[in-house]
Amino acid sequence: MTAAELKRISKSMSYVLRHRPDTIGIQLEPAGWIEVEELLAAFARHGKSFSLDTIKHVVTGNDVWLTESVAQRYLKIVGGALAP
């Protein structure tokens, strides 16, 4: 996956999780959590398929462009759920 594709996914995830979960038909838990599998399935239903490994790559910031991104500052994976 290219850096541009990873950046697009990062921005899409950040927008959905921080502002508009309804755009892909999800509802976050009151504390802002969502099961990773539910998130992946919702994105896939809306034509944006990617894997858990891709999410991990985006969240851990394995590329230089991500070092100051929203994903690295606000997202984490805990016990199979993605949280702000």
C-alpha atoms as a PDB file:
ATOM      1  CA  MET A   1       0.000   0.000   0.000  1.00  0.00           C
ATOM      2  CA  THR A   2       1.361   3.409  -0.920  1.00  0.00           C
ATOM      3  CA  ALA A   3       1.891   6.300   1.467  1.00  0.00           C
ATOM      4  CA  ALA A   4      -0.894   8.180  -0.310  1.00  0.00           C
ATOM      5  CA  GLU A   5      -3.342   5.304   0.221  1.00  0.00           C
ATOM      6  CA  LEU A   6      -2.405   5.047   3.901  1.00  0.00           C
ATOM      7  CA  LYS A   7      -2.860   8.792   4.311  1.00  0.00           C
ATOM      8  CA  ARG A   8      -6.308   8.602   2.668  1.00  0.00           C
ATOM      9  CA  ILE A   9      -7.345   5.779   5.015  1.00  0.00           C
ATOM     10  CA  SER A  10      -5.998   7.677   8.026  1.00  0.00           C
ATOM     11  CA  LYS A  11      -7.965  10.775   7.101  1.00  0.00           C
ATOM     12  CA  SER A  12     -11.134   8.760   6.419  1.00  0.00           C
ATOM     13  CA  MET A  13     -10.886   6.926   9.739  1.00  0.00           C
ATOM     14  CA  SER A  14     -10.219  10.140  11.635  1.00  0.00           C
ATOM     15  CA  TYR A  15     -13.156  11.927  10.026  1.00  0.00           C
ATOM     16  CA  VAL A  16     -15.554   9.054  10.669  1.00  0.00           C
ATOM     17  CA  LEU A  17     -14.412   8.364  14.232  1.00  0.00           C
ATOM     18  CA  ARG A  18     -14.088  11.973  15.351  1.00  0.00           C
ATOM     19  CA  HIS A  19     -16.915  13.698  13.507  1.00  0.00           C
ATOM     20  CA  ARG A  20     -19.334  11.588  11.451  1.00  0.00           C
ATOM     21  CA  PRO A  21     -19.639   7.884  12.296  1.00  0.00           C
ATOM     22  CA  ASP A  22     -23.082   7.984  10.688  1.00  0.00           C
ATOM     23  CA  THR A  23     -21.502   8.440   7.240  1.00  0.00           C
ATOM     24  CA  ILE A  24     -20.637   4.729   7.237  1.00  0.00           C
ATOM     25  CA  GLY A  25     -23.594   3.618   9.362  1.00  0.00           C
ATOM     26  CA  ILE A  26     -21.867   3.057  12.696  1.00  0.00           C
ATOM     27  CA  GLN A  27     -22.529   4.245  16.207  1.00  0.00           C
ATOM     28  CA  LEU A  28     -19.670   4.526  18.678  1.00  0.00           C
ATOM     29  CA  GLU A  29     -19.942   3.402  22.287  1.00  0.00           C
ATOM     30  CA  PRO A  30     -20.504   6.294  24.725  1.00  0.00           C
ATOM     31  CA  ALA A  31     -16.749   6.521  25.437  1.00  0.00           C
ATOM     32  CA  GLY A  32     -15.961   6.577  21.694  1.00  0.00           C
ATOM     33  CA  TRP A  33     -15.050   2.886  21.237  1.00  0.00           C
ATOM     34  CA  ILE A  34     -15.943   0.595  18.345  1.00  0.00           C
ATOM     35  CA  GLU A  35     -15.039  -3.012  17.615  1.00  0.00           C
ATOM     36  CA  VAL A  36     -12.406  -3.125  14.899  1.00  0.00           C
ATOM     37  CA  GLU A  37     -14.288  -5.775  12.918  1.00  0.00           C
ATOM     38  CA  GLU A  38     -17.429  -3.609  12.952  1.00  0.00           C
ATOM     39  CA  LEU A  39     -15.424  -0.625  11.691  1.00  0.00           C
ATOM     40  CA  LEU A  40     -13.791  -2.677   8.917  1.00  0.00           C
ATOM     41  CA  ALA A  41     -17.156  -4.105   7.829  1.00  0.00           C
ATOM     42  CA  ALA A  42     -18.772  -0.651   7.748  1.00  0.00           C
ATOM     43  CA  PHE A  43     -15.977   0.823   5.636  1.00  0.00           C
ATOM     44  CA  ALA A  44     -16.175  -2.200   3.289  1.00  0.00           C
ATOM     45  CA  ARG A  45     -19.935  -1.698   2.851  1.00  0.00           C
ATOM     46  CA  HIS A  46     -19.132   1.845   1.735  1.00  0.00           C
ATOM     47  CA  GLY A  47     -16.488   0.826  -0.808  1.00  0.00           C
ATOM     48  CA  LYS A  48     -13.386   1.372   1.328  1.00  0.00           C
ATOM     49  CA  SER A  49     -11.985  -2.052   2.137  1.00  0.00           C
ATOM     50  CA  PHE A  50      -8.809  -2.400   4.166  1.00  0.00           C
ATOM     51  CA  SER A  51      -7.436  -4.787   6.772  1.00  0.00           C
ATOM     52  CA  LEU A  52      -6.659  -4.850  10.464  1.00  0.00           C
ATOM     53  CA  ASP A  53      -2.981  -4.744   9.525  1.00  0.00           C
ATOM     54  CA  THR A  54      -3.635  -1.508   7.648  1.00  0.00           C
ATOM     55  CA  ILE A  55      -5.328  -0.006  10.702  1.00  0.00           C
ATOM     56  CA  LYS A  56      -2.404  -1.085  12.866  1.00  0.00           C
ATOM     57  CA  HIS A  57       0.004   0.496  10.400  1.00  0.00           C
ATOM     58  CA  VAL A  58      -1.962   3.757  10.403  1.00  0.00           C
ATOM     59  CA  VAL A  59      -2.368   3.841  14.196  1.00  0.00           C
ATOM     60  CA  THR A  60       1.253   3.071  15.027  1.00  0.00           C
ATOM     61  CA  GLY A  61       2.558   5.613  12.542  1.00  0.00           C
ATOM     62  CA  ASN A  62       5.070   3.497  10.654  1.00  0.00           C
ATOM     63  CA  ASP A  63       5.527   6.157   7.979  1.00  0.00           C
ATOM     64  CA  VAL A  64       7.149   9.552   8.316  1.00  0.00           C
ATOM     65  CA  TRP A  65       4.050  11.393   7.051  1.00  0.00           C
ATOM     66  CA  LEU A  66       2.037   9.973   9.956  1.00  0.00           C
ATOM     67  CA  THR A  67       4.240  11.192  12.796  1.00  0.00           C
ATOM     68  CA  GLU A  68       2.041  14.221  13.425  1.00  0.00           C
ATOM     69  CA  SER A  69      -1.241  12.845  12.102  1.00  0.00           C
ATOM     70  CA  VAL A  70      -4.583  12.721  13.844  1.00  0.00           C
ATOM     71  CA  ALA A  71      -4.487   8.926  13.839  1.00  0.00           C
ATOM     72  CA  GLN A  72      -1.297   8.707  15.848  1.00  0.00           C
ATOM     73  CA  ARG A  73      -2.429  11.303  18.370  1.00  0.00           C
ATOM     74  CA  TYR A  74      -6.001  10.109  18.886  1.00  0.00           C
ATOM     75  CA  LEU A  75      -6.488   6.426  18.017  1.00  0.00           C
ATOM     76  CA  LYS A  76      -5.457   3.234  19.744  1.00  0.00           C
ATOM     77  CA  ILE A  77      -6.347  -0.451  19.493  1.00  0.00           C
ATOM     78  CA  VAL A  78      -7.210  -2.095  22.803  1.00  0.00           C
ATOM     79  CA  GLY A  79      -8.502  -5.660  23.021  1.00  0.00           C
ATOM     80  CA  GLY A  80      -9.899  -5.724  19.494  1.00  0.00           C
ATOM     81  CA  ALA A  81     -11.591  -2.328  19.726  1.00  0.00           C
ATOM     82  CA  LEU A  82     -10.525   0.983  18.270  1.00  0.00           C
ATOM     83  CA  ALA A  83     -10.734   3.941  20.611  1.00  0.00           C
ATOM     84  CA  PRO A  84      -9.981   7.625  20.613  1.00  0.00           C
END
